[in-house]
């Protein structure tokens, strides 16, 4: 009975990911948070651009330069109510 009560009280969390990898990286998002992740960064001449689309808030966009071959999480953002998606693309070459 206790396990059933806990599962009813816990909020449901959903995880999604950008469908395509951009030079080895893509966006992931959950109920209210998102992050960029690379399996192996291969963009050598510029920065990755990561966009967070928050529901009922101003969206956030940042650029990050990553070392060739970088693997792991490289940026994150929290939305107050809900995040619609996180997108990793190619940013400026500067």
N, C-alpha and C. Protein backbone atom coordinates (compact mmCIF):
# COMPACT_ATOMS: atom_id res chain seq x y z
N UNK A 1 0.81 -1.19 0.00
CA UNK A 1 0.00 0.00 0.00
C UNK A 1 0.86 1.26 0.00
N UNK A 2 1.96 1.25 0.72
CA UNK A 2 2.83 2.42 0.79
C UNK A 2 3.43 2.74 -0.58
N UNK A 3 3.88 1.74 -1.31
CA UNK A 3 4.46 1.96 -2.64
C UNK A 3 3.44 2.57 -3.58
N UNK A 4 2.20 2.14 -3.48
CA UNK A 4 1.14 2.69 -4.33
C UNK A 4 0.91 4.16 -4.00
N UNK A 5 0.93 4.50 -2.73
CA UNK A 5 0.73 5.89 -2.32
C UNK A 5 1.87 6.77 -2.81
N UNK A 6 3.09 6.27 -2.74
CA UNK A 6 4.24 7.04 -3.21
C UNK A 6 4.16 7.26 -4.71
N UNK A 7 3.80 6.23 -5.46
CA UNK A 7 3.74 6.39 -6.91
C UNK A 7 2.65 7.35 -7.33
N UNK A 8 1.57 7.44 -6.57
CA UNK A 8 0.51 8.39 -6.90
C UNK A 8 0.92 9.82 -6.57
N UNK A 9 1.75 10.00 -5.56
CA UNK A 9 2.17 11.34 -5.15
C UNK A 9 3.32 11.87 -5.98
N UNK A 10 4.14 11.00 -6.55
CA UNK A 10 5.30 11.43 -7.32
C UNK A 10 4.88 11.98 -8.68
N UNK A 11 5.44 13.12 -9.09
CA UNK A 11 5.09 13.66 -10.41
C UNK A 11 5.65 12.77 -11.52
N UNK A 12 4.93 12.73 -12.61
CA UNK A 12 5.40 11.96 -13.76
C UNK A 12 6.48 12.74 -14.48
N UNK A 13 7.53 12.08 -14.88
CA UNK A 13 8.63 12.71 -15.59
C UNK A 13 8.78 12.05 -16.94
N UNK A 14 8.93 12.86 -17.96
CA UNK A 14 9.14 12.30 -19.28
C UNK A 14 10.47 12.80 -19.83
N UNK A 15 11.15 11.95 -20.55
CA UNK A 15 12.43 12.31 -21.14
C UNK A 15 12.32 12.24 -22.66
N UNK A 16 12.91 13.21 -23.32
CA UNK A 16 12.93 13.23 -24.78
C UNK A 16 14.30 13.66 -25.25
N UNK A 17 14.58 13.38 -26.51
CA UNK A 17 15.87 13.78 -27.09
C UNK A 17 15.65 14.28 -28.50
N UNK A 18 16.51 15.17 -28.91
CA UNK A 18 16.53 15.67 -30.28
C UNK A 18 16.72 14.45 -31.20
N UNK A 19 15.97 14.39 -32.28
CA UNK A 19 15.99 13.19 -33.12
C UNK A 19 17.31 12.98 -33.86
N UNK A 20 18.00 14.04 -34.22
CA UNK A 20 19.25 13.89 -34.97
C UNK A 20 20.43 14.46 -34.19
N UNK A 21 21.59 13.85 -34.38
CA UNK A 21 22.82 14.34 -33.78
C UNK A 21 23.40 15.43 -34.68
N UNK A 22 23.93 16.50 -34.10
CA UNK A 22 24.59 17.57 -34.83
C UNK A 22 26.07 17.51 -34.51
N UNK A 23 26.86 17.03 -35.44
CA UNK A 23 28.31 16.88 -35.23
C UNK A 23 28.61 16.21 -33.89
N UNK A 24 27.88 15.13 -33.60
CA UNK A 24 28.14 14.33 -32.41
C UNK A 24 27.43 14.76 -31.15
N UNK A 25 26.58 15.79 -31.23
CA UNK A 25 25.89 16.30 -30.04
C UNK A 25 24.40 16.48 -30.31
N UNK A 26 23.60 16.45 -29.24
CA UNK A 26 22.16 16.71 -29.36
C UNK A 26 21.60 17.14 -28.02
N UNK A 27 20.35 17.62 -28.06
CA UNK A 27 19.68 18.09 -26.86
C UNK A 27 18.81 17.02 -26.23
N UNK A 28 18.73 17.08 -24.91
CA UNK A 28 17.84 16.22 -24.13
C UNK A 28 17.00 17.11 -23.24
N UNK A 29 15.76 16.72 -22.97
CA UNK A 29 14.94 17.47 -22.03
C UNK A 29 14.00 16.56 -21.28
N UNK A 30 13.66 17.04 -20.09
CA UNK A 30 12.78 16.33 -19.18
C UNK A 30 11.60 17.24 -18.89
N UNK A 31 10.93 17.10 -17.82
CA UNK A 31 9.74 17.90 -17.52
C UNK A 31 10.05 19.40 -17.48
N UNK A 32 11.06 19.78 -16.71
CA UNK A 32 11.38 21.21 -16.57
C UNK A 32 12.84 21.54 -16.84
N UNK A 33 13.65 20.57 -17.23
CA UNK A 33 15.07 20.86 -17.44
C UNK A 33 15.56 20.27 -18.76
N UNK A 34 16.61 20.86 -19.28
CA UNK A 34 17.22 20.37 -20.51
C UNK A 34 18.73 20.47 -20.43
N UNK A 35 19.41 19.74 -21.32
CA UNK A 35 20.86 19.85 -21.38
C UNK A 35 21.36 19.39 -22.75
N UNK A 36 22.56 19.81 -23.08
CA UNK A 36 23.25 19.35 -24.27
C UNK A 36 24.16 18.20 -23.90
N UNK A 37 24.30 17.25 -24.80
CA UNK A 37 25.14 16.09 -24.55
C UNK A 37 25.86 15.71 -25.85
N UNK A 38 27.11 15.34 -25.73
CA UNK A 38 27.89 14.89 -26.89
C UNK A 38 28.36 13.46 -26.68
N UNK A 39 28.23 12.66 -27.73
CA UNK A 39 28.83 11.32 -27.70
C UNK A 39 30.27 11.41 -28.19
N UNK A 40 30.53 12.37 -29.10
CA UNK A 40 31.88 12.73 -29.55
C UNK A 40 31.75 13.98 -30.40
N UNK A 41 32.13 15.12 -29.85
CA UNK A 41 32.04 16.39 -30.56
C UNK A 41 32.98 16.40 -31.76
N UNK A 42 32.45 16.76 -32.93
CA UNK A 42 33.28 16.76 -34.14
C UNK A 42 33.28 18.10 -34.87
N UNK A 43 32.66 19.14 -34.30
CA UNK A 43 32.64 20.47 -34.92
C UNK A 43 33.91 21.19 -34.53
N UNK A 44 34.82 21.39 -35.49
CA UNK A 44 36.15 21.95 -35.19
C UNK A 44 36.25 23.46 -35.36
N UNK A 45 35.41 24.05 -36.21
CA UNK A 45 35.64 25.44 -36.59
C UNK A 45 34.74 26.46 -35.91
N UNK A 46 33.89 26.07 -35.01
CA UNK A 46 33.00 27.03 -34.38
C UNK A 46 32.44 26.54 -33.08
N UNK A 47 31.31 27.12 -32.72
CA UNK A 47 30.66 26.80 -31.46
C UNK A 47 29.36 26.03 -31.72
N UNK A 48 28.99 25.24 -30.74
CA UNK A 48 27.68 24.62 -30.75
C UNK A 48 26.69 25.63 -30.16
N UNK A 49 25.52 25.70 -30.73
CA UNK A 49 24.49 26.59 -30.22
C UNK A 49 23.39 25.72 -29.60
N UNK A 50 23.03 26.01 -28.37
CA UNK A 50 21.99 25.24 -27.70
C UNK A 50 20.83 26.15 -27.34
N UNK A 51 19.63 25.71 -27.69
CA UNK A 51 18.42 26.48 -27.48
C UNK A 51 17.49 25.71 -26.56
N UNK A 52 16.97 26.41 -25.55
CA UNK A 52 15.99 25.84 -24.62
C UNK A 52 14.67 26.56 -24.84
N UNK A 53 13.64 25.81 -25.20
CA UNK A 53 12.31 26.39 -25.41
C UNK A 53 11.46 26.11 -24.18
N UNK A 54 11.35 27.13 -23.31
CA UNK A 54 10.55 27.00 -22.10
C UNK A 54 9.11 27.44 -22.37
N UNK A 55 8.18 26.79 -21.73
CA UNK A 55 6.77 27.13 -21.86
C UNK A 55 6.47 28.31 -20.92
N UNK A 56 5.83 29.36 -21.41
CA UNK A 56 5.45 30.54 -20.62
C UNK A 56 6.63 31.32 -20.07
N UNK A 57 7.81 31.19 -20.68
CA UNK A 57 8.99 31.95 -20.27
C UNK A 57 9.79 32.34 -21.51
N UNK A 58 10.70 33.26 -21.34
CA UNK A 58 11.59 33.63 -22.43
C UNK A 58 12.56 32.49 -22.68
N UNK A 59 12.71 32.10 -23.93
CA UNK A 59 13.62 31.02 -24.29
C UNK A 59 15.07 31.45 -24.06
N UNK A 60 15.94 30.48 -23.86
CA UNK A 60 17.35 30.74 -23.60
C UNK A 60 18.17 30.12 -24.73
N UNK A 61 19.21 30.85 -25.16
CA UNK A 61 20.09 30.33 -26.20
C UNK A 61 21.53 30.71 -25.83
N UNK A 62 22.42 29.72 -25.90
CA UNK A 62 23.83 29.96 -25.59
C UNK A 62 24.70 29.25 -26.63
N UNK A 63 25.94 29.72 -26.74
CA UNK A 63 26.92 29.08 -27.62
C UNK A 63 28.08 28.56 -26.77
N UNK A 64 28.57 27.38 -27.12
CA UNK A 64 29.67 26.77 -26.39
C UNK A 64 30.68 26.20 -27.38
N UNK A 65 31.95 26.49 -27.15
CA UNK A 65 33.03 25.88 -27.93
C UNK A 65 33.47 24.63 -27.17
N UNK A 66 33.50 23.51 -27.86
CA UNK A 66 33.88 22.24 -27.24
C UNK A 66 35.12 21.69 -27.92
N UNK A 67 35.94 21.01 -27.17
CA UNK A 67 37.13 20.38 -27.73
C UNK A 67 36.72 19.21 -28.63
N UNK A 68 37.47 19.01 -29.70
CA UNK A 68 37.20 17.88 -30.59
C UNK A 68 37.27 16.59 -29.78
N UNK A 69 36.25 15.75 -29.93
CA UNK A 69 36.21 14.49 -29.21
C UNK A 69 35.55 14.56 -27.85
N UNK A 70 35.12 15.77 -27.43
CA UNK A 70 34.49 15.91 -26.11
C UNK A 70 33.30 14.97 -25.99
N UNK A 71 33.17 14.35 -24.84
CA UNK A 71 32.05 13.46 -24.56
C UNK A 71 31.47 13.83 -23.20
N UNK A 72 30.15 14.01 -23.16
CA UNK A 72 29.48 14.30 -21.90
C UNK A 72 28.53 15.47 -22.00
N UNK A 73 27.97 15.84 -20.86
CA UNK A 73 27.03 16.95 -20.76
C UNK A 73 27.80 18.26 -20.84
N UNK A 74 27.27 19.25 -21.60
CA UNK A 74 28.02 20.49 -21.71
C UNK A 74 27.25 21.75 -21.38
N UNK A 75 25.97 21.68 -21.11
CA UNK A 75 25.22 22.87 -20.74
C UNK A 75 23.89 22.41 -20.18
N UNK A 76 23.24 23.22 -19.36
CA UNK A 76 21.92 22.85 -18.85
C UNK A 76 21.11 24.10 -18.54
N UNK A 77 19.80 23.92 -18.47
CA UNK A 77 18.88 25.03 -18.19
C UNK A 77 17.65 24.47 -17.48
N UNK A 78 17.11 25.26 -16.56
CA UNK A 78 15.88 24.90 -15.84
C UNK A 78 14.78 25.87 -16.26
N UNK A 79 13.61 25.34 -16.54
CA UNK A 79 12.43 26.15 -16.81
C UNK A 79 11.52 26.05 -15.59
N UNK A 80 10.80 27.11 -15.28
CA UNK A 80 9.94 27.12 -14.10
C UNK A 80 8.77 26.15 -14.23
N UNK A 81 8.10 26.15 -15.38
CA UNK A 81 6.89 25.35 -15.52
C UNK A 81 7.08 24.10 -16.37
N UNK A 82 7.59 24.28 -17.57
CA UNK A 82 7.72 23.15 -18.50
C UNK A 82 8.73 23.53 -19.58
N UNK A 83 9.45 22.54 -20.07
CA UNK A 83 10.33 22.75 -21.22
C UNK A 83 9.72 22.01 -22.40
N UNK A 84 9.67 22.68 -23.54
CA UNK A 84 9.09 22.07 -24.74
C UNK A 84 10.12 21.25 -25.51
N UNK A 85 11.35 21.78 -25.61
CA UNK A 85 12.43 21.04 -26.27
C UNK A 85 13.77 21.71 -26.01
N UNK A 86 14.84 20.96 -26.30
CA UNK A 86 16.20 21.47 -26.27
C UNK A 86 16.83 21.10 -27.61
N UNK A 87 17.44 22.06 -28.27
CA UNK A 87 18.00 21.83 -29.60
C UNK A 87 19.47 22.23 -29.63
N UNK A 88 20.31 21.34 -30.15
CA UNK A 88 21.72 21.65 -30.33
C UNK A 88 21.96 21.80 -31.83
N UNK A 89 22.56 22.92 -32.21
CA UNK A 89 22.89 23.19 -33.60
C UNK A 89 24.28 23.79 -33.70
N UNK A 90 24.56 24.34 -34.85
CA UNK A 90 25.86 24.98 -35.10
C UNK A 90 25.71 26.48 -34.89
N UNK A 91 26.60 27.03 -34.09
CA UNK A 91 26.57 28.46 -33.83
C UNK A 91 27.56 29.20 -34.70
N UNK A 92 28.07 30.30 -34.19
CA UNK A 92 29.00 31.15 -34.94
C UNK A 92 30.35 30.47 -35.09
N UNK A 93 31.13 30.96 -36.04
CA UNK A 93 32.48 30.42 -36.25
C UNK A 93 33.53 31.22 -35.48
N UNK A 94 33.09 32.19 -34.72
CA UNK A 94 34.02 33.01 -33.91
C UNK A 94 34.23 32.43 -32.55
